[in-house]
Amino acid sequence: MDTITVVRNRILQLCGEREISINKLATISALPPSSIKNILYGKSQNPKLITIKMICDGLDITLGEFFSTPDVEALEQEIK
């Protein structure tokens, strides 16, 4: 699994756990829905950290909590 897939899956997982839509996530994160949809649909292959931080703020979690998953731990090094 690649990094963007892990980030996409994590966003979807968090929305599912909270039973919120992507549009609701955008609203509570003070982001345009297109920013989140670009990540989810692969248009944004390198989302900015500030975008992920705003998503975390909207969900009331830390960046550490966002990235603290087995999938992130299993990611292989990008540069070899």
C-alpha atoms as a PDB file:
ATOM      1  CA  MET A   1       0.000   0.000   0.000  1.00  0.00           C
ATOM      2  CA  ASP A   2       1.330   3.454  -0.827  1.00  0.00           C
ATOM      3  CA  THR A   3       1.256   6.562   1.360  1.00  0.00           C
ATOM      4  CA  ILE A   4      -1.611   8.334  -0.383  1.00  0.00           C
ATOM      5  CA  THR A   5      -3.763   5.206  -0.107  1.00  0.00           C
ATOM      6  CA  VAL A   6      -3.017   4.997   3.624  1.00  0.00           C
ATOM      7  CA  VAL A   7      -3.984   8.668   4.098  1.00  0.00           C
ATOM      8  CA  ARG A   8      -7.146   8.222   2.014  1.00  0.00           C
ATOM      9  CA  ASN A   9      -8.168   5.103   3.933  1.00  0.00           C
ATOM     10  CA  ARG A  10      -7.517   6.818   7.273  1.00  0.00           C
ATOM     11  CA  ILE A  11      -9.735   9.769   6.366  1.00  0.00           C
ATOM     12  CA  LEU A  12     -12.512   7.413   5.287  1.00  0.00           C
ATOM     13  CA  GLN A  13     -12.082   5.330   8.440  1.00  0.00           C
ATOM     14  CA  LEU A  14     -12.318   8.385  10.701  1.00  0.00           C
ATOM     15  CA  CYS A  15     -15.402   9.663   8.868  1.00  0.00           C
ATOM     16  CA  GLY A  16     -16.992   6.244   9.160  1.00  0.00           C
ATOM     17  CA  GLU A  17     -16.284   6.003  12.878  1.00  0.00           C
ATOM     18  CA  ARG A  18     -17.876   9.414  13.432  1.00  0.00           C
ATOM     19  CA  GLU A  19     -20.659   8.818  10.916  1.00  0.00           C
ATOM     20  CA  ILE A  20     -19.936  12.042   9.056  1.00  0.00           C
ATOM     21  CA  SER A  21     -19.860  12.777   5.348  1.00  0.00           C
ATOM     22  CA  ILE A  22     -16.946  14.200   3.427  1.00  0.00           C
ATOM     23  CA  ASN A  23     -18.841  17.491   3.148  1.00  0.00           C
ATOM     24  CA  LYS A  24     -19.346  17.557   6.938  1.00  0.00           C
ATOM     25  CA  LEU A  25     -15.640  16.833   7.422  1.00  0.00           C
ATOM     26  CA  ALA A  26     -14.807  19.737   5.120  1.00  0.00           C
ATOM     27  CA  THR A  27     -17.109  22.050   7.079  1.00  0.00           C
ATOM     28  CA  ILE A  28     -15.720  21.164  10.523  1.00  0.00           C
ATOM     29  CA  SER A  29     -12.163  21.331   9.163  1.00  0.00           C
ATOM     30  CA  ALA A  30     -12.646  24.758   7.523  1.00  0.00           C
ATOM     31  CA  LEU A  31     -11.591  23.311   4.166  1.00  0.00           C
ATOM     32  CA  PRO A  32     -13.299  23.378   0.801  1.00  0.00           C
ATOM     33  CA  PRO A  33     -14.856  19.979   0.047  1.00  0.00           C
ATOM     34  CA  SER A  34     -12.727  19.829  -3.097  1.00  0.00           C
ATOM     35  CA  SER A  35      -9.540  19.708  -0.999  1.00  0.00           C
ATOM     36  CA  ILE A  36     -10.661  16.542   0.752  1.00  0.00           C
ATOM     37  CA  LYS A  37     -12.177  15.023  -2.379  1.00  0.00           C
ATOM     38  CA  ASN A  38      -8.912  15.632  -4.267  1.00  0.00           C
ATOM     39  CA  ILE A  39      -7.109  13.518  -1.658  1.00  0.00           C
ATOM     40  CA  LEU A  40      -9.773  10.805  -1.672  1.00  0.00           C
ATOM     41  CA  TYR A  41     -10.044  10.516  -5.437  1.00  0.00           C
ATOM     42  CA  GLY A  42      -6.312  10.617  -6.112  1.00  0.00           C
ATOM     43  CA  LYS A  43      -6.105  14.017  -7.768  1.00  0.00           C
ATOM     44  CA  SER A  44      -3.851  15.244  -4.958  1.00  0.00           C
ATOM     45  CA  GLN A  45      -0.931  12.827  -4.779  1.00  0.00           C
ATOM     46  CA  ASN A  46       0.947  14.920  -2.227  1.00  0.00           C
ATOM     47  CA  PRO A  47      -1.475  16.584   0.223  1.00  0.00           C
ATOM     48  CA  LYS A  48       0.038  19.340   2.318  1.00  0.00           C
ATOM     49  CA  LEU A  49       0.676  18.648   5.966  1.00  0.00           C
ATOM     50  CA  ILE A  50      -1.367  21.734   6.880  1.00  0.00           C
ATOM     51  CA  THR A  51      -4.366  20.174   5.103  1.00  0.00           C
ATOM     52  CA  ILE A  52      -3.993  16.976   7.125  1.00  0.00           C
ATOM     53  CA  LYS A  53      -3.559  19.095  10.286  1.00  0.00           C
ATOM     54  CA  MET A  54      -6.786  20.986   9.545  1.00  0.00           C
ATOM     55  CA  ILE A  55      -8.595  17.664   9.087  1.00  0.00           C
ATOM     56  CA  CYS A  56      -7.200  16.520  12.435  1.00  0.00           C
ATOM     57  CA  ASP A  57      -8.287  19.765  14.088  1.00  0.00           C
ATOM     58  CA  GLY A  58     -11.792  19.326  12.703  1.00  0.00           C
ATOM     59  CA  LEU A  59     -11.905  15.781  14.047  1.00  0.00           C
ATOM     60  CA  ASP A  60     -10.362  16.889  17.367  1.00  0.00           C
ATOM     61  CA  ILE A  61      -7.412  14.518  17.078  1.00  0.00           C
ATOM     62  CA  THR A  62      -3.667  15.063  16.899  1.00  0.00           C
ATOM     63  CA  LEU A  63      -1.457  14.396  13.914  1.00  0.00           C
ATOM     64  CA  GLY A  64       0.044  11.594  15.980  1.00  0.00           C
ATOM     65  CA  GLU A  65      -3.369   9.983  16.385  1.00  0.00           C
ATOM     66  CA  PHE A  66      -4.048  10.358  12.662  1.00  0.00           C
ATOM     67  CA  PHE A  67      -0.801   8.637  11.713  1.00  0.00           C
ATOM     68  CA  SER A  68      -0.712   6.089  14.552  1.00  0.00           C
ATOM     69  CA  THR A  69      -2.043   3.092  12.651  1.00  0.00           C
ATOM     70  CA  PRO A  70      -0.660  -0.291  11.607  1.00  0.00           C
ATOM     71  CA  ASP A  71      -0.926   0.752   7.940  1.00  0.00           C
ATOM     72  CA  VAL A  72       1.360   3.741   8.522  1.00  0.00           C
ATOM     73  CA  GLU A  73       3.803   1.555  10.449  1.00  0.00           C
ATOM     74  CA  ALA A  74       3.855  -0.900   7.533  1.00  0.00           C
ATOM     75  CA  LEU A  75       4.730   1.726   4.921  1.00  0.00           C
ATOM     76  CA  GLU A  76       7.989   1.086   3.183  1.00  0.00           C
ATOM     77  CA  GLN A  77      10.655   3.729   2.864  1.00  0.00           C
ATOM     78  CA  GLU A  78       9.951   5.978  -0.115  1.00  0.00           C
ATOM     79  CA  ILE A  79      13.611   6.655  -0.901  1.00  0.00           C
ATOM     80  CA  LYS A  80      15.894   3.661  -1.164  1.00  0.00           C
END
